[in-house]
Amino acid sequence: MQVARLLQSYLDGETDEITARRVAAHLKDCRRCGLEASVYREIHNALARRVEPDAGAVQRLRAFGESLMNPAAGDDGGGGESATPPAGA
């Protein structure tokens, strides 16, 4: 399962229960995806408060999105412990 591709849907509560459980378990074990979930929540909460999100968080999220479009050789998007977190994370 490529959690990175499901992350936004999961955080928005748009996944089925089984997928949600699998993603939640992955986020506990994968530092990279856990950091991205945290960044997404930060941006989401800032938008809900109608304040400008942290520029660094926006940049990290943008870099993460770009990494999904151009994965490094051998990176399946699973984000194990050897995965390098986005800059500034």
C-alpha atoms as a PDB file:
ATOM      1  CA  MET A   1       0.000   0.000   0.000  1.00  0.00           C
ATOM      2  CA  GLN A   2       1.345   3.421  -0.914  1.00  0.00           C
ATOM      3  CA  VAL A   3       0.266   5.465   2.085  1.00  0.00           C
ATOM      4  CA  ALA A   4       1.636   8.698   0.657  1.00  0.00           C
ATOM      5  CA  ARG A   5      -1.017   8.595  -2.053  1.00  0.00           C
ATOM      6  CA  LEU A   6      -3.802   8.031   0.511  1.00  0.00           C
ATOM      7  CA  LEU A   7      -2.603  10.468   3.162  1.00  0.00           C
ATOM      8  CA  GLN A   8      -4.768  13.452   2.313  1.00  0.00           C
ATOM      9  CA  SER A   9      -7.908  11.333   1.922  1.00  0.00           C
ATOM     10  CA  TYR A  10      -7.159   9.624   5.237  1.00  0.00           C
ATOM     11  CA  LEU A  11      -6.637  12.914   7.069  1.00  0.00           C
ATOM     12  CA  ASP A  12      -9.843  14.295   5.566  1.00  0.00           C
ATOM     13  CA  GLY A  13     -11.753  11.231   6.817  1.00  0.00           C
ATOM     14  CA  GLU A  14     -12.509  10.026   3.301  1.00  0.00           C
ATOM     15  CA  THR A  15     -11.126   6.480   3.519  1.00  0.00           C
ATOM     16  CA  ASP A  16     -12.992   3.341   4.499  1.00  0.00           C
ATOM     17  CA  GLU A  17     -12.430   1.910   7.972  1.00  0.00           C
ATOM     18  CA  ILE A  18     -10.007  -0.821   6.901  1.00  0.00           C
ATOM     19  CA  THR A  19      -7.846   1.603   4.916  1.00  0.00           C
ATOM     20  CA  ALA A  20      -7.960   4.113   7.777  1.00  0.00           C
ATOM     21  CA  ARG A  21      -6.651   1.477  10.198  1.00  0.00           C
ATOM     22  CA  ARG A  22      -3.846   0.486   7.837  1.00  0.00           C
ATOM     23  CA  VAL A  23      -2.817   4.107   7.265  1.00  0.00           C
ATOM     24  CA  ALA A  24      -2.934   4.872  11.004  1.00  0.00           C
ATOM     25  CA  ALA A  25      -0.688   1.871  11.709  1.00  0.00           C
ATOM     26  CA  HIS A  26       1.737   2.993   9.011  1.00  0.00           C
ATOM     27  CA  LEU A  27       1.886   6.550  10.373  1.00  0.00           C
ATOM     28  CA  LYS A  28       3.009   5.161  13.746  1.00  0.00           C
ATOM     29  CA  ASP A  29       5.936   3.347  12.116  1.00  0.00           C
ATOM     30  CA  CYS A  30       6.970   5.694   9.299  1.00  0.00           C
ATOM     31  CA  ARG A  31       8.667   8.923  10.312  1.00  0.00           C
ATOM     32  CA  ARG A  32       8.402  10.483   6.861  1.00  0.00           C
ATOM     33  CA  CYS A  33       4.660   9.933   6.498  1.00  0.00           C
ATOM     34  CA  GLY A  34       4.074  10.883  10.124  1.00  0.00           C
ATOM     35  CA  LEU A  35       5.839  14.200   9.543  1.00  0.00           C
ATOM     36  CA  GLU A  36       3.807  14.849   6.425  1.00  0.00           C
ATOM     37  CA  ALA A  37       0.585  14.095   8.277  1.00  0.00           C
ATOM     38  CA  SER A  38       1.646  16.614  10.908  1.00  0.00           C
ATOM     39  CA  VAL A  39       2.405  19.261   8.272  1.00  0.00           C
ATOM     40  CA  TYR A  40      -0.931  18.651   6.563  1.00  0.00           C
ATOM     41  CA  ARG A  41      -2.784  18.972   9.872  1.00  0.00           C
ATOM     42  CA  GLU A  42      -0.930  22.220  10.628  1.00  0.00           C
ATOM     43  CA  ILE A  43      -1.940  23.710   7.281  1.00  0.00           C
ATOM     44  CA  HIS A  44      -5.502  22.419   7.595  1.00  0.00           C
ATOM     45  CA  ASN A  45      -5.866  23.929  11.074  1.00  0.00           C
ATOM     46  CA  ALA A  46      -4.421  27.273   9.932  1.00  0.00           C
ATOM     47  CA  LEU A  47      -6.899  27.407   7.074  1.00  0.00           C
ATOM     48  CA  ALA A  48      -9.745  26.518   9.448  1.00  0.00           C
ATOM     49  CA  ARG A  49      -8.676  29.449  11.643  1.00  0.00           C
ATOM     50  CA  ARG A  50      -8.446  31.593   8.490  1.00  0.00           C
ATOM     51  CA  VAL A  51      -4.853  32.565   9.135  1.00  0.00           C
ATOM     52  CA  GLU A  52      -1.960  32.190   6.748  1.00  0.00           C
ATOM     53  CA  PRO A  53      -0.236  28.804   7.210  1.00  0.00           C
ATOM     54  CA  ASP A  54       3.441  28.646   8.109  1.00  0.00           C
ATOM     55  CA  ALA A  55       5.487  29.198   4.947  1.00  0.00           C
ATOM     56  CA  GLY A  56       7.880  26.401   5.913  1.00  0.00           C
ATOM     57  CA  ALA A  57       5.008  23.946   6.291  1.00  0.00           C
ATOM     58  CA  VAL A  58       3.639  24.912   2.884  1.00  0.00           C
ATOM     59  CA  GLN A  59       7.084  24.428   1.319  1.00  0.00           C
ATOM     60  CA  ARG A  60       7.526  21.001   2.964  1.00  0.00           C
ATOM     61  CA  LEU A  61       4.098  19.912   1.744  1.00  0.00           C
ATOM     62  CA  ARG A  62       4.891  21.157  -1.764  1.00  0.00           C
ATOM     63  CA  ALA A  63       8.206  19.260  -1.744  1.00  0.00           C
ATOM     64  CA  PHE A  64       6.432  16.122  -0.534  1.00  0.00           C
ATOM     65  CA  GLY A  65       3.867  16.409  -3.335  1.00  0.00           C
ATOM     66  CA  GLU A  66       6.641  16.858  -5.887  1.00  0.00           C
ATOM     67  CA  SER A  67       8.418  13.787  -4.497  1.00  0.00           C
ATOM     68  CA  LEU A  68       5.260  11.790  -5.238  1.00  0.00           C
ATOM     69  CA  MET A  69       5.349  12.975  -8.831  1.00  0.00           C
ATOM     70  CA  ASN A  70       9.062  12.147  -9.230  1.00  0.00           C
ATOM     71  CA  PRO A  71       9.929   9.311  -6.833  1.00  0.00           C
ATOM     72  CA  ALA A  72      13.609   8.517  -6.352  1.00  0.00           C
ATOM     73  CA  ALA A  73      14.854   5.254  -7.795  1.00  0.00           C
ATOM     74  CA  GLY A  74      13.883   2.415  -5.497  1.00  0.00           C
ATOM     75  CA  ASP A  75      11.467   4.517  -3.440  1.00  0.00           C
ATOM     76  CA  ASP A  76       8.068   2.871  -3.473  1.00  0.00           C
ATOM     77  CA  GLY A  77       6.440   5.694  -1.530  1.00  0.00           C
ATOM     78  CA  GLY A  78       6.121   3.444   1.501  1.00  0.00           C
ATOM     79  CA  GLY A  79       8.388   5.671   3.551  1.00  0.00           C
ATOM     80  CA  GLY A  80      10.225   3.232   5.766  1.00  0.00           C
ATOM     81  CA  GLU A  81      12.813   4.260   8.320  1.00  0.00           C
ATOM     82  CA  SER A  82      15.446   4.754   5.608  1.00  0.00           C
ATOM     83  CA  ALA A  83      13.369   7.358   3.799  1.00  0.00           C
ATOM     84  CA  THR A  84      14.691  10.889   3.942  1.00  0.00           C
ATOM     85  CA  PRO A  85      12.146  13.358   5.340  1.00  0.00           C
ATOM     86  CA  PRO A  86      11.466  16.528   3.350  1.00  0.00           C
ATOM     87  CA  ALA A  87      13.751  19.478   3.962  1.00  0.00           C
ATOM     88  CA  GLY A  88      12.883  21.363   7.100  1.00  0.00           C
ATOM     89  CA  ALA A  89      10.902  18.500   8.615  1.00  0.00           C
END
